[in-house]
PDB file of all heavy atoms in Angstrom:
ATOM      1  N   VAL A   1       3.139   0.869  -7.677  1.00  0.00           N
ATOM      2  CA  VAL A   1       3.046   0.244  -6.355  1.00  0.00           C
ATOM      3  C   VAL A   1       3.709  -1.128  -6.268  1.00  0.00           C
ATOM      4  O   VAL A   1       3.877  -1.657  -5.172  1.00  0.00           O
ATOM      5  CB  VAL A   1       1.579   0.130  -5.850  1.00  0.00           C
ATOM      6  CG1 VAL A   1       0.970   1.513  -5.680  1.00  0.00           C
ATOM      7  CG2 VAL A   1       0.743  -0.734  -6.765  1.00  0.00           C
ATOM      8  N   LYS A   2       4.125  -1.686  -7.390  1.00  0.00           N
ATOM      9  CA  LYS A   2       4.716  -3.036  -7.367  1.00  0.00           C
ATOM     10  C   LYS A   2       5.933  -3.080  -6.441  1.00  0.00           C
ATOM     11  O   LYS A   2       6.825  -2.248  -6.547  1.00  0.00           O
ATOM     12  CB  LYS A   2       5.110  -3.453  -8.784  1.00  0.00           C
ATOM     13  CG  LYS A   2       5.527  -4.907  -8.876  1.00  0.00           C
ATOM     14  CD  LYS A   2       5.568  -5.356 -10.332  1.00  0.00           C
ATOM     15  CE  LYS A   2       6.084  -6.757 -10.513  1.00  0.00           C
ATOM     16  NZ  LYS A   2       5.573  -7.747  -9.621  1.00  0.00           N
ATOM     17  N   ASP A   3       5.894  -4.041  -5.519  1.00  0.00           N
ATOM     18  CA  ASP A   3       6.972  -4.258  -4.546  1.00  0.00           C
ATOM     19  C   ASP A   3       7.191  -3.082  -3.597  1.00  0.00           C
ATOM     20  O   ASP A   3       8.254  -2.977  -2.975  1.00  0.00           O
ATOM     21  CB  ASP A   3       8.300  -4.613  -5.248  1.00  0.00           C
ATOM     22  CG  ASP A   3       8.189  -5.902  -6.042  1.00  0.00           C
ATOM     23  OD1 ASP A   3       7.473  -6.823  -5.588  1.00  0.00           O
ATOM     24  OD2 ASP A   3       8.803  -5.977  -7.126  1.00  0.00           O
ATOM     25  N   ARG A   4       6.220  -2.188  -3.487  1.00  0.00           N
ATOM     26  CA  ARG A   4       6.328  -1.052  -2.563  1.00  0.00           C
ATOM     27  C   ARG A   4       5.384  -1.272  -1.384  1.00  0.00           C
ATOM     28  O   ARG A   4       4.291  -1.824  -1.543  1.00  0.00           O
ATOM     29  CB  ARG A   4       5.922   0.269  -3.260  1.00  0.00           C
ATOM     30  CG  ARG A   4       6.642   0.587  -4.557  1.00  0.00           C
ATOM     31  CD  ARG A   4       8.003   1.223  -4.416  1.00  0.00           C
ATOM     32  NE  ARG A   4       8.062   2.559  -3.884  1.00  0.00           N
ATOM     33  CZ  ARG A   4       7.900   3.670  -4.598  1.00  0.00           C
ATOM     34  NH1 ARG A   4       7.604   3.631  -5.871  1.00  0.00           N
ATOM     35  NH2 ARG A   4       8.034   4.846  -4.012  1.00  0.00           N
ATOM     36  N   GLU A   5       5.808  -0.818  -0.204  1.00  0.00           N
ATOM     37  CA  GLU A   5       4.948  -0.868   0.973  1.00  0.00           C
ATOM     38  C   GLU A   5       4.002   0.323   0.930  1.00  0.00           C
ATOM     39  O   GLU A   5       4.454   1.469   0.811  1.00  0.00           O
ATOM     40  CB  GLU A   5       5.783  -0.831   2.255  1.00  0.00           C
ATOM     41  CG  GLU A   5       6.566  -2.096   2.479  1.00  0.00           C
ATOM     42  CD  GLU A   5       7.269  -2.114   3.826  1.00  0.00           C
ATOM     43  OE1 GLU A   5       7.220  -1.107   4.573  1.00  0.00           O
ATOM     44  OE2 GLU A   5       7.877  -3.153   4.128  1.00  0.00           O
ATOM     45  N   ILE A   6       2.711   0.046   1.001  1.00  0.00           N
ATOM     46  CA  ILE A   6       1.709   1.114   0.991  1.00  0.00           C
ATOM     47  C   ILE A   6       0.545   0.723   1.899  1.00  0.00           C
ATOM     48  O   ILE A   6       0.426  -0.408   2.341  1.00  0.00           O
ATOM     49  CB  ILE A   6       1.159   1.411  -0.430  1.00  0.00           C
ATOM     50  CG1 ILE A   6       0.295   0.262  -0.947  1.00  0.00           C
ATOM     51  CG2 ILE A   6       2.270   1.737  -1.410  1.00  0.00           C
ATOM     52  CD1 ILE A   6      -0.711   0.702  -1.983  1.00  0.00           C
ATOM     53  N   THR A   7      -0.344   1.680   2.104  1.00  0.00           N
ATOM     54  CA  THR A   7      -1.640   1.401   2.701  1.00  0.00           C
ATOM     55  C   THR A   7      -2.684   2.136   1.871  1.00  0.00           C
ATOM     56  O   THR A   7      -2.348   2.879   0.949  1.00  0.00           O
ATOM     57  CB  THR A   7      -1.697   1.779   4.203  1.00  0.00           C
ATOM     58  OG1 THR A   7      -2.879   1.204   4.757  1.00  0.00           O
ATOM     59  CG2 THR A   7      -1.680   3.283   4.426  1.00  0.00           C
ATOM     60  N   SER A   8      -3.945   1.910   2.198  1.00  0.00           N
ATOM     61  CA  SER A   8      -5.043   2.526   1.441  1.00  0.00           C
ATOM     62  C   SER A   8      -6.313   2.306   2.249  1.00  0.00           C
ATOM     63  O   SER A   8      -6.299   1.666   3.298  1.00  0.00           O
ATOM     64  CB  SER A   8      -5.195   1.845   0.079  1.00  0.00           C
ATOM     65  OG  SER A   8      -5.629   0.496   0.248  1.00  0.00           O
ATOM     66  N   TYR A   9      -7.405   2.805   1.717  1.00  0.00           N
ATOM     67  CA  TYR A   9      -8.705   2.491   2.298  1.00  0.00           C
ATOM     68  C   TYR A   9      -8.873   0.981   2.227  1.00  0.00           C
ATOM     69  O   TYR A   9      -8.499   0.340   1.235  1.00  0.00           O
ATOM     70  CB  TYR A   9      -9.818   3.206   1.513  1.00  0.00           C
ATOM     71  CG  TYR A   9     -11.117   3.270   2.259  1.00  0.00           C
ATOM     72  CD1 TYR A   9     -11.247   4.114   3.360  1.00  0.00           C
ATOM     73  CD2 TYR A   9     -12.203   2.494   1.871  1.00  0.00           C
ATOM     74  CE1 TYR A   9     -12.446   4.174   4.063  1.00  0.00           C
ATOM     75  CE2 TYR A   9     -13.406   2.557   2.559  1.00  0.00           C
ATOM     76  CZ  TYR A   9     -13.512   3.395   3.662  1.00  0.00           C
ATOM     77  OH  TYR A   9     -14.690   3.451   4.347  1.00  0.00           O
ATOM     78  N   ASN A  10      -9.405   0.392   3.277  1.00  0.00           N
ATOM     79  CA  ASN A  10      -9.463  -1.067   3.386  1.00  0.00           C
ATOM     80  C   ASN A  10     -10.175  -1.741   2.211  1.00  0.00           C
ATOM     81  O   ASN A  10      -9.792  -2.819   1.782  1.00  0.00           O
ATOM     82  CB  ASN A  10     -10.130  -1.462   4.706  1.00  0.00           C
ATOM     83  CG  ASN A  10      -9.953  -2.928   4.994  1.00  0.00           C
ATOM     84  OD1 ASN A  10      -8.836  -3.430   5.005  1.00  0.00           O
ATOM     85  ND2 ASN A  10     -11.047  -3.634   5.203  1.00  0.00           N
ATOM     86  N   SER A  11     -11.197  -1.101   1.653  1.00  0.00           N
ATOM     87  CA  SER A  11     -11.976  -1.751   0.582  1.00  0.00           C
ATOM     88  C   SER A  11     -11.175  -1.941  -0.704  1.00  0.00           C
ATOM     89  O   SER A  11     -11.572  -2.730  -1.557  1.00  0.00           O
ATOM     90  CB  SER A  11     -13.255  -0.962   0.285  1.00  0.00           C
ATOM     91  OG  SER A  11     -12.950   0.271  -0.318  1.00  0.00           O
ATOM     92  N   ILE A  12     -10.045  -1.235  -0.866  1.00  0.00           N
ATOM     93  CA  ILE A  12      -9.230  -1.420  -2.082  1.00  0.00           C
ATOM     94  C   ILE A  12      -7.923  -2.159  -1.776  1.00  0.00           C
ATOM     95  O   ILE A  12      -7.037  -2.231  -2.623  1.00  0.00           O
ATOM     96  CB  ILE A  12      -8.978  -0.101  -2.835  1.00  0.00           C
ATOM     97  CG1 ILE A  12      -8.120   0.871  -2.033  1.00  0.00           C
ATOM     98  CG2 ILE A  12     -10.305   0.539  -3.255  1.00  0.00           C
ATOM     99  CD1 ILE A  12      -7.575   2.028  -2.873  1.00  0.00           C
ATOM    100  N   LYS A  13      -7.836  -2.731  -0.567  1.00  0.00           N
ATOM    101  CA  LYS A  13      -6.649  -3.505  -0.174  1.00  0.00           C
ATOM    102  C   LYS A  13      -6.324  -4.579  -1.226  1.00  0.00           C
ATOM    103  O   LYS A  13      -5.180  -4.714  -1.664  1.00  0.00           O
ATOM    104  CB  LYS A  13      -6.899  -4.151   1.196  1.00  0.00           C
ATOM    105  CG  LYS A  13      -5.856  -5.138   1.629  1.00  0.00           C
ATOM    106  CD  LYS A  13      -6.237  -5.768   2.965  1.00  0.00           C
ATOM    107  CE  LYS A  13      -5.262  -6.848   3.377  1.00  0.00           C
ATOM    108  NZ  LYS A  13      -5.643  -7.447   4.668  1.00  0.00           N
ATOM    109  N   LYS A  14      -7.326  -5.339  -1.633  1.00  0.00           N
ATOM    110  CA  LYS A  14      -7.113  -6.416  -2.597  1.00  0.00           C
ATOM    111  C   LYS A  14      -6.620  -5.869  -3.939  1.00  0.00           C
ATOM    112  O   LYS A  14      -5.748  -6.462  -4.573  1.00  0.00           O
ATOM    113  CB  LYS A  14      -8.421  -7.203  -2.783  1.00  0.00           C
ATOM    114  CG  LYS A  14      -8.271  -8.462  -3.577  1.00  0.00           C
ATOM    115  CD  LYS A  14      -7.705  -9.560  -2.716  1.00  0.00           C
ATOM    116  CE  LYS A  14      -7.903 -10.902  -3.381  1.00  0.00           C
ATOM    117  NZ  LYS A  14      -7.254 -11.960  -2.639  1.00  0.00           N
ATOM    118  N   ASP A  15      -7.155  -4.714  -4.362  1.00  0.00           N
ATOM    119  CA  ASP A  15      -6.693  -4.088  -5.605  1.00  0.00           C
ATOM    120  C   ASP A  15      -5.206  -3.763  -5.517  1.00  0.00           C
ATOM    121  O   ASP A  15      -4.458  -3.936  -6.481  1.00  0.00           O
ATOM    122  CB  ASP A  15      -7.461  -2.787  -5.889  1.00  0.00           C
ATOM    123  CG  ASP A  15      -8.944  -3.005  -6.100  1.00  0.00           C
ATOM    124  OD1 ASP A  15      -9.361  -4.139  -6.376  1.00  0.00           O
ATOM    125  OD2 ASP A  15      -9.697  -2.020  -5.974  1.00  0.00           O
ATOM    126  N   MET A  16      -4.781  -3.275  -4.351  1.00  0.00           N
ATOM    127  CA  MET A  16      -3.373  -2.895  -4.164  1.00  0.00           C
ATOM    128  C   MET A  16      -2.475  -4.135  -4.174  1.00  0.00           C
ATOM    129  O   MET A  16      -1.421  -4.139  -4.810  1.00  0.00           O
ATOM    130  CB  MET A  16      -3.190  -2.128  -2.847  1.00  0.00           C
ATOM    131  CG  MET A  16      -3.929  -0.792  -2.792  1.00  0.00           C
ATOM    132  SD  MET A  16      -3.480   0.339  -4.140  1.00  0.00           S
ATOM    133  CE  MET A  16      -4.887   0.165  -5.220  1.00  0.00           C
ATOM    134  N   ILE A  17      -2.913  -5.191  -3.501  1.00  0.00           N
ATOM    135  CA  ILE A  17      -2.144  -6.442  -3.474  1.00  0.00           C
ATOM    136  C   ILE A  17      -2.060  -7.022  -4.884  1.00  0.00           C
ATOM    137  O   ILE A  17      -0.995  -7.466  -5.330  1.00  0.00           O
ATOM    138  CB  ILE A  17      -2.767  -7.432  -2.473  1.00  0.00           C
ATOM    139  CG1 ILE A  17      -2.579  -6.897  -1.040  1.00  0.00           C
ATOM    140  CG2 ILE A  17      -2.164  -8.825  -2.628  1.00  0.00           C
ATOM    141  CD1 ILE A  17      -3.393  -7.619   0.025  1.00  0.00           C
ATOM    142  N   ASN A  18      -3.180  -6.974  -5.621  1.00  0.00           N
ATOM    143  CA  ASN A  18      -3.189  -7.475  -7.000  1.00  0.00           C
ATOM    144  C   ASN A  18      -2.277  -6.659  -7.910  1.00  0.00           C
ATOM    145  O   ASN A  18      -1.783  -7.172  -8.916  1.00  0.00           O
ATOM    146  CB  ASN A  18      -4.621  -7.496  -7.570  1.00  0.00           C
ATOM    147  CG  ASN A  18      -5.460  -8.593  -6.940  1.00  0.00           C
ATOM    148  OD1 ASN A  18      -4.944  -9.536  -6.357  1.00  0.00           O
ATOM    149  ND2 ASN A  18      -6.763  -8.455  -7.061  1.00  0.00           N
ATOM    150  N   ALA A  19      -2.046  -5.396  -7.563  1.00  0.00           N
ATOM    151  CA  ALA A  19      -1.141  -4.538  -8.341  1.00  0.00           C
ATOM    152  C   ALA A  19       0.316  -4.736  -7.908  1.00  0.00           C
ATOM    153  O   ALA A  19       1.210  -4.067  -8.429  1.00  0.00           O
ATOM    154  CB  ALA A  19      -1.549  -3.070  -8.179  1.00  0.00           C
ATOM    155  N   GLY A  20       0.525  -5.634  -6.930  1.00  0.00           N
ATOM    156  CA  GLY A  20       1.887  -5.959  -6.526  1.00  0.00           C
ATOM    157  C   GLY A  20       2.391  -5.257  -5.283  1.00  0.00           C
ATOM    158  O   GLY A  20       3.558  -5.385  -4.914  1.00  0.00           O
ATOM    159  N   ALA A  21       1.524  -4.485  -4.631  1.00  0.00           N
ATOM    160  CA  ALA A  21       1.938  -3.746  -3.438  1.00  0.00           C
ATOM    161  C   ALA A  21       2.040  -4.658  -2.225  1.00  0.00           C
ATOM    162  O   ALA A  21       1.373  -5.697  -2.153  1.00  0.00           O
ATOM    163  CB  ALA A  21       0.948  -2.620  -3.152  1.00  0.00           C
ATOM    164  N   LYS A  22       2.861  -4.241  -1.285  1.00  0.00           N
ATOM    165  CA  LYS A  22       2.938  -4.890   0.024  1.00  0.00           C
ATOM    166  C   LYS A  22       2.081  -4.040   0.957  1.00  0.00           C
ATOM    167  O   LYS A  22       2.534  -3.010   1.461  1.00  0.00           O
ATOM    168  CB  LYS A  22       4.385  -4.946   0.506  1.00  0.00           C
ATOM    169  CG  LYS A  22       5.285  -5.764  -0.400  1.00  0.00           C
ATOM    170  CD  LYS A  22       6.732  -5.642   0.021  1.00  0.00           C
ATOM    171  CE  LYS A  22       7.637  -6.356  -0.958  1.00  0.00           C
ATOM    172  NZ  LYS A  22       9.044  -5.980  -0.752  1.00  0.00           N
ATOM    173  N   TRP A  23       0.820  -4.444   1.154  1.00  0.00           N
ATOM    174  CA  TRP A  23      -0.163  -3.630   1.871  1.00  0.00           C
ATOM    175  C   TRP A  23       0.009  -3.778   3.375  1.00  0.00           C
ATOM    176  O   TRP A  23       0.187  -4.872   3.890  1.00  0.00           O
ATOM    177  CB  TRP A  23      -1.570  -4.042   1.456  1.00  0.00           C
ATOM    178  CG  TRP A  23      -2.631  -3.071   1.858  1.00  0.00           C
ATOM    179  CD1 TRP A  23      -3.052  -1.987   1.128  1.00  0.00           C
ATOM    180  CD2 TRP A  23      -3.415  -3.081   3.053  1.00  0.00           C
ATOM    181  NE1 TRP A  23      -4.043  -1.326   1.805  1.00  0.00           N
ATOM    182  CE2 TRP A  23      -4.285  -1.966   2.993  1.00  0.00           C
ATOM    183  CE3 TRP A  23      -3.458  -3.893   4.169  1.00  0.00           C
ATOM    184  CZ2 TRP A  23      -5.191  -1.665   3.994  1.00  0.00           C
ATOM    185  CZ3 TRP A  23      -4.356  -3.596   5.185  1.00  0.00           C
ATOM    186  CH2 TRP A  23      -5.216  -2.489   5.092  1.00  0.00           C
ATOM    187  N   LYS A  24      -0.057  -2.651   4.089  1.00  0.00           N
ATOM    188  CA  LYS A  24       0.049  -2.644   5.549  1.00  0.00           C
ATOM    189  C   LYS A  24      -1.129  -1.876   6.132  1.00  0.00           C
ATOM    190  O   LYS A  24      -1.556  -0.881   5.554  1.00  0.00           O
ATOM    191  CB  LYS A  24       1.352  -1.979   5.989  1.00  0.00           C
ATOM    192  CG  LYS A  24       2.593  -2.727   5.554  1.00  0.00           C
ATOM    193  CD  LYS A  24       3.816  -2.054   6.134  1.00  0.00           C
ATOM    194  CE  LYS A  24       5.056  -2.895   6.007  1.00  0.00           C
ATOM    195  NZ  LYS A  24       5.115  -4.053   6.842  1.00  0.00           N
ATOM    196  N   ASP A  25      -1.604  -2.315   7.283  1.00  0.00           N
ATOM    197  CA  ASP A  25      -2.702  -1.632   7.971  1.00  0.00           C
ATOM    198  C   ASP A  25      -2.109  -0.692   9.021  1.00  0.00           C
ATOM    199  O   ASP A  25      -2.009  -1.035  10.186  1.00  0.00           O
ATOM    200  CB  ASP A  25      -3.640  -2.663   8.611  1.00  0.00           C
ATOM    201  CG  ASP A  25      -4.892  -2.025   9.182  1.00  0.00           C
ATOM    202  OD1 ASP A  25      -5.129  -0.827   8.922  1.00  0.00           O
ATOM    203  OD2 ASP A  25      -5.637  -2.728   9.885  1.00  0.00           O
ATOM    204  N   GLN A  26      -1.668   0.484   8.562  1.00  0.00           N
ATOM    205  CA  GLN A  26      -1.067   1.498   9.436  1.00  0.00           C
ATOM    206  C   GLN A  26      -1.607   2.866   9.033  1.00  0.00           C
ATOM    207  O   GLN A  26      -2.034   3.064   7.905  1.00  0.00           O
ATOM    208  CB  GLN A  26       0.462   1.512   9.277  1.00  0.00           C
ATOM    209  CG  GLN A  26       1.152   0.265   9.745  1.00  0.00           C
ATOM    210  CD  GLN A  26       2.629   0.230   9.383  1.00  0.00           C
ATOM    211  OE1 GLN A  26       3.207  -0.832   9.313  1.00  0.00           O
ATOM    212  NE2 GLN A  26       3.230   1.376   9.135  1.00  0.00           N
ATOM    213  N   SER A  27      -1.531   3.816   9.973  1.00  0.00           N
ATOM    214  CA  SER A  27      -2.063   5.156   9.684  1.00  0.00           C
ATOM    215  C   SER A  27      -1.306   5.837   8.551  1.00  0.00           C
ATOM    216  O   SER A  27      -1.883   6.581   7.775  1.00  0.00           O
ATOM    217  CB  SER A  27      -2.039   6.024  10.936  1.00  0.00           C
ATOM    218  OG  SER A  27      -0.703   6.279  11.331  1.00  0.00           O
ATOM    219  N   VAL A  28      -0.011   5.578   8.471  1.00  0.00           N
ATOM    220  CA  VAL A  28       0.776   6.130   7.365  1.00  0.00           C
ATOM    221  C   VAL A  28       1.912   5.161   7.067  1.00  0.00           C
ATOM    222  O   VAL A  28       2.499   4.575   7.974  1.00  0.00           O
ATOM    223  CB  VAL A  28       1.301   7.559   7.674  1.00  0.00           C
ATOM    224  CG1 VAL A  28       2.283   7.567   8.832  1.00  0.00           C
ATOM    225  CG2 VAL A  28       1.923   8.209   6.451  1.00  0.00           C
ATOM    226  N   VAL A  29       2.171   4.957   5.779  1.00  0.00           N
ATOM    227  CA  VAL A  29       3.269   4.110   5.333  1.00  0.00           C
ATOM    228  C   VAL A  29       4.100   4.928   4.355  1.00  0.00           C
ATOM    229  O   VAL A  29       3.561   5.567   3.449  1.00  0.00           O
ATOM    230  CB  VAL A  29       2.749   2.823   4.639  1.00  0.00           C
ATOM    231  CG1 VAL A  29       3.903   2.002   4.080  1.00  0.00           C
ATOM    232  CG2 VAL A  29       1.915   1.994   5.607  1.00  0.00           C
ATOM    233  N   VAL A  30       5.418   4.926   4.564  1.00  0.00           N
ATOM    234  CA  VAL A  30       6.335   5.651   3.679  1.00  0.00           C
ATOM    235  C   VAL A  30       7.290   4.642   3.048  1.00  0.00           C
ATOM    236  O   VAL A  30       7.889   3.829   3.746  1.00  0.00           O
ATOM    237  CB  VAL A  30       7.132   6.720   4.451  1.00  0.00           C
ATOM    238  CG1 VAL A  30       8.050   7.491   3.502  1.00  0.00           C
ATOM    239  CG2 VAL A  30       6.206   7.682   5.177  1.00  0.00           C
ATOM    240  N   ASP A  31       7.411   4.682   1.735  1.00  0.00           N
ATOM    241  CA  ASP A  31       8.335   3.814   1.013  1.00  0.00           C
ATOM    242  C   ASP A  31       8.975   4.636  -0.103  1.00  0.00           C
ATOM    243  O   ASP A  31       8.350   4.929  -1.114  1.00  0.00           O
ATOM    244  CB  ASP A  31       7.584   2.609   0.438  1.00  0.00           C
ATOM    245  CG  ASP A  31       8.515   1.585  -0.223  1.00  0.00           C
ATOM    246  OD1 ASP A  31       9.582   1.981  -0.745  1.00  0.00           O
ATOM    247  OD2 ASP A  31       8.175   0.398  -0.235  1.00  0.00           O
ATOM    248  N   GLN A  32      10.224   5.033   0.122  1.00  0.00           N
ATOM    249  CA  GLN A  32      10.985   5.796  -0.878  1.00  0.00           C
ATOM    250  C   GLN A  32      10.193   6.976  -1.448  1.00  0.00           C
ATOM    251  O   GLN A  32      10.033   7.110  -2.649  1.00  0.00           O
ATOM    252  CB  GLN A  32      11.432   4.882  -2.016  1.00  0.00           C
ATOM    253  CG  GLN A  32      12.312   3.735  -1.576  1.00  0.00           C
ATOM    254  CD  GLN A  32      12.515   2.719  -2.684  1.00  0.00           C
ATOM    255  OE1 GLN A  32      12.593   3.089  -3.851  1.00  0.00           O
ATOM    256  NE2 GLN A  32      12.586   1.453  -2.329  1.00  0.00           N
ATOM    257  N   GLY A  33       9.710   7.823  -0.566  1.00  0.00           N
ATOM    258  CA  GLY A  33       9.012   9.023  -1.004  1.00  0.00           C
ATOM    259  C   GLY A  33       7.538   8.848  -1.286  1.00  0.00           C
ATOM    260  O   GLY A  33       6.831   9.818  -1.538  1.00  0.00           O
ATOM    261  N   LEU A  34       7.056   7.619  -1.272  1.00  0.00           N
ATOM    262  CA  LEU A  34       5.632   7.350  -1.470  1.00  0.00           C
ATOM    263  C   LEU A  34       4.968   7.312  -0.093  1.00  0.00           C
ATOM    264  O   LEU A  34       5.295   6.472   0.733  1.00  0.00           O
ATOM    265  CB  LEU A  34       5.464   6.009  -2.198  1.00  0.00           C
ATOM    266  CG  LEU A  34       4.093   5.657  -2.734  1.00  0.00           C
ATOM    267  CD1 LEU A  34       3.602   6.714  -3.714  1.00  0.00           C
ATOM    268  CD2 LEU A  34       4.155   4.301  -3.435  1.00  0.00           C
ATOM    269  N   VAL A  35       4.067   8.267   0.146  1.00  0.00           N
ATOM    270  CA  VAL A  35       3.406   8.408   1.450  1.00  0.00           C
ATOM    271  C   VAL A  35       1.938   8.060   1.263  1.00  0.00           C
ATOM    272  O   VAL A  35       1.236   8.708   0.495  1.00  0.00           O
ATOM    273  CB  VAL A  35       3.531   9.860   1.972  1.00  0.00           C
ATOM    274  CG1 VAL A  35       2.855  10.002   3.338  1.00  0.00           C
ATOM    275  CG2 VAL A  35       4.990  10.300   2.032  1.00  0.00           C
ATOM    276  N   THR A  36       1.473   7.010   1.975  1.00  0.00           N
ATOM    277  CA  THR A  36       0.075   6.599   1.834  1.00  0.00           C
ATOM    278  C   THR A  36      -0.590   6.485   3.200  1.00  0.00           C
ATOM    279  O   THR A  36       0.063   6.177   4.201  1.00  0.00           O
ATOM    280  CB  THR A  36      -0.039   5.242   1.088  1.00  0.00           C
ATOM    281  OG1 THR A  36       0.806   4.270   1.720  1.00  0.00           O
ATOM    282  CG2 THR A  36       0.358   5.393  -0.378  1.00  0.00           C
TER     283      THR A  36
END
């Protein structure tokens, strides 16, 4: 997830940011084949 745009359940948002993700609050986020 590092440097990738993703989303997730809100309670793990901080975990995703800490892993280097660019977290977005959207129903679906696609980044180079990664669909979240």
